[in-house]
Protein backbone atom coordinates (compact mmCIF):
# COMPACT_ATOMS: atom_id res chain seq x y z
CA MET A 1 -3.85 -3.69 15.41
CA PRO A 2 -2.92 -1.88 18.60
CA MET A 3 0.13 0.45 19.09
CA ASP A 4 3.35 -1.24 20.22
CA ALA A 5 5.54 0.88 22.23
CA ASN A 6 8.49 -0.32 19.93
CA GLU A 7 6.67 1.14 16.96
CA LYS A 8 8.92 3.53 14.80
CA ARG A 9 6.52 4.34 11.96
CA VAL A 10 6.87 7.91 11.32
CA HIS A 11 3.20 8.34 9.78
CA PRO A 12 0.12 6.70 11.53
CA ARG A 13 -2.01 4.00 10.03
CA LYS A 14 -5.50 3.21 9.32
CA ASP A 15 -6.95 -0.28 8.68
CA VAL A 16 -8.62 -0.63 5.44
CA PHE A 17 -9.68 -3.75 3.15
CA SER A 18 -9.48 -3.47 -0.46
CA ALA A 19 -8.25 -5.17 -3.38
CA ALA A 20 -5.41 -4.38 -5.08
CA MET A 21 -3.15 -5.51 -8.30
CA LEU A 22 0.52 -5.56 -7.43
CA VAL A 23 2.77 -5.59 -10.70
CA ALA A 24 6.48 -6.71 -10.50
CA GLY A 25 8.06 -6.14 -14.01
CA GLU A 26 6.00 -8.05 -16.81
CA ASP A 27 3.68 -10.29 -13.99
CA GLY A 28 0.87 -8.89 -11.71
CA TYR A 29 -0.55 -10.25 -8.89
CA LEU A 30 -4.16 -9.71 -6.96
CA SER A 31 -3.79 -9.13 -3.35
CA GLU A 32 -5.44 -7.63 -0.69
CA VAL A 33 -4.84 -3.81 1.10
CA TRP A 34 -5.02 -4.21 5.27
CA ASP A 35 -3.77 -1.12 6.17
CA ILE A 36 -2.29 2.13 5.03
CA SER A 37 -0.46 5.21 5.60
CA GLN A 38 0.90 8.30 3.66
CA GLY A 39 4.65 6.30 3.99
CA GLY A 40 3.50 2.94 2.59
CA ALA A 41 0.69 0.25 3.01
CA ARG A 42 0.19 -3.59 4.48
CA LEU A 43 -0.94 -5.98 1.65
CA GLY A 44 -1.49 -9.28 1.38
CA ARG A 45 1.08 -11.56 0.66
CA PRO A 46 -0.05 -13.17 -3.16
CA LYS A 47 0.04 -16.93 -3.21
CA HIS A 48 2.59 -17.01 -6.01
CA TRP A 49 4.70 -13.90 -4.94
CA PRO A 50 8.20 -14.17 -6.59
CA THR A 51 11.03 -14.89 -4.00
CA GLN A 52 13.38 -12.89 -6.31
CA MET A 53 11.91 -9.52 -6.08
CA PRO A 54 12.50 -6.20 -8.49
CA GLU A 55 13.72 -3.01 -6.68
CA LEU A 56 10.01 -1.51 -7.61
CA ILE A 57 6.82 -2.69 -7.61
CA ARG A 58 3.62 -0.82 -8.74
CA VAL A 59 0.80 -1.06 -6.41
CA PHE A 60 -2.79 -0.49 -7.88
CA PHE A 61 -5.05 0.40 -5.27
CA MET A 62 -8.77 -0.55 -6.16
CA LEU A 63 -10.57 1.19 -3.64
CA ASP A 64 -14.14 0.84 -5.63
CA GLN A 65 -15.00 0.16 -9.52
CA ASP A 66 -14.18 3.86 -10.37
CA THR A 67 -11.53 4.55 -7.77
CA VAL A 68 -7.89 3.02 -9.03
CA ILE A 69 -5.03 4.56 -7.88
CA SER A 70 -1.50 3.57 -8.57
CA LEU A 71 1.63 4.08 -6.91
CA ALA A 72 5.43 3.15 -7.20
CA ALA A 73 6.67 1.42 -4.22
CA ARG A 74 9.19 -0.73 -2.80
CA VAL A 75 8.96 -4.09 -0.54
CA ALA A 76 10.07 -2.91 2.41
CA ARG A 77 9.03 -6.19 4.57
CA THR A 78 7.71 -9.90 3.66
CA GLY A 79 6.14 -11.83 6.28
CA GLY A 80 4.06 -14.97 5.63
CA GLU A 81 0.97 -13.97 4.72
CA HIS A 82 1.78 -10.20 4.10
CA LEU A 83 4.16 -7.45 2.53
CA GLY A 84 5.02 -3.94 3.75
CA VAL A 85 5.34 -1.72 1.18
CA GLN A 86 6.98 1.89 0.76
CA PHE A 87 6.03 4.41 -1.13
CA VAL A 88 8.56 5.80 -3.41
CA GLU A 89 9.21 9.92 -2.91
CA GLY A 90 8.15 12.25 -5.46
CA GLN A 91 4.16 11.01 -5.46
CA GLU A 92 2.86 13.26 -2.68
CA GLU A 93 0.05 14.39 -4.82
CA ARG A 94 -0.87 10.85 -5.64
CA ILE A 95 -0.75 9.87 -2.28
CA HIS A 96 -2.61 12.54 -0.65
CA HIS A 97 -5.53 11.13 -3.37
CA LEU A 98 -5.25 7.94 -2.05
CA MET A 99 -5.56 9.08 1.70
CA TYR A 100 -8.30 11.23 0.88
CA GLU A 101 -10.39 8.52 -1.26
CA ALA A 102 -9.28 5.89 1.41
CA ARG A 103 -11.30 8.16 4.05
CA PHE A 104 -7.87 8.55 5.66
CA LEU A 105 -8.33 12.46 5.41
CA ASP A 106 -11.66 14.37 5.25
CA ALA A 107 -12.42 17.19 2.55
CA GLU A 108 -11.00 20.00 5.71
CA THR A 109 -7.38 18.60 5.49
CA THR A 110 -7.14 18.77 1.88
């Protein structure tokens, strides 16, 4: 995605494509990850995504068969085909692990 002159993001984004499971309350929704940053992620909007969203959801990033990382997030933006989520504060170590496993960070920055 090209940078926009009006871009107000604090963290740079990395395009990725992997599976994700979004959990809202007792319900789960399959999705895909389109891009991530240290502050959040852009996800494909699940087909039956509810119109009334809880304040917090849990996102399970399924990077491969052996690497699944979950983070608490707020839905910050809902578009026709995507959701923008912001990671909840206090998960810095888990976010760092996600960035490393998604090849956003290399071994030298860990």
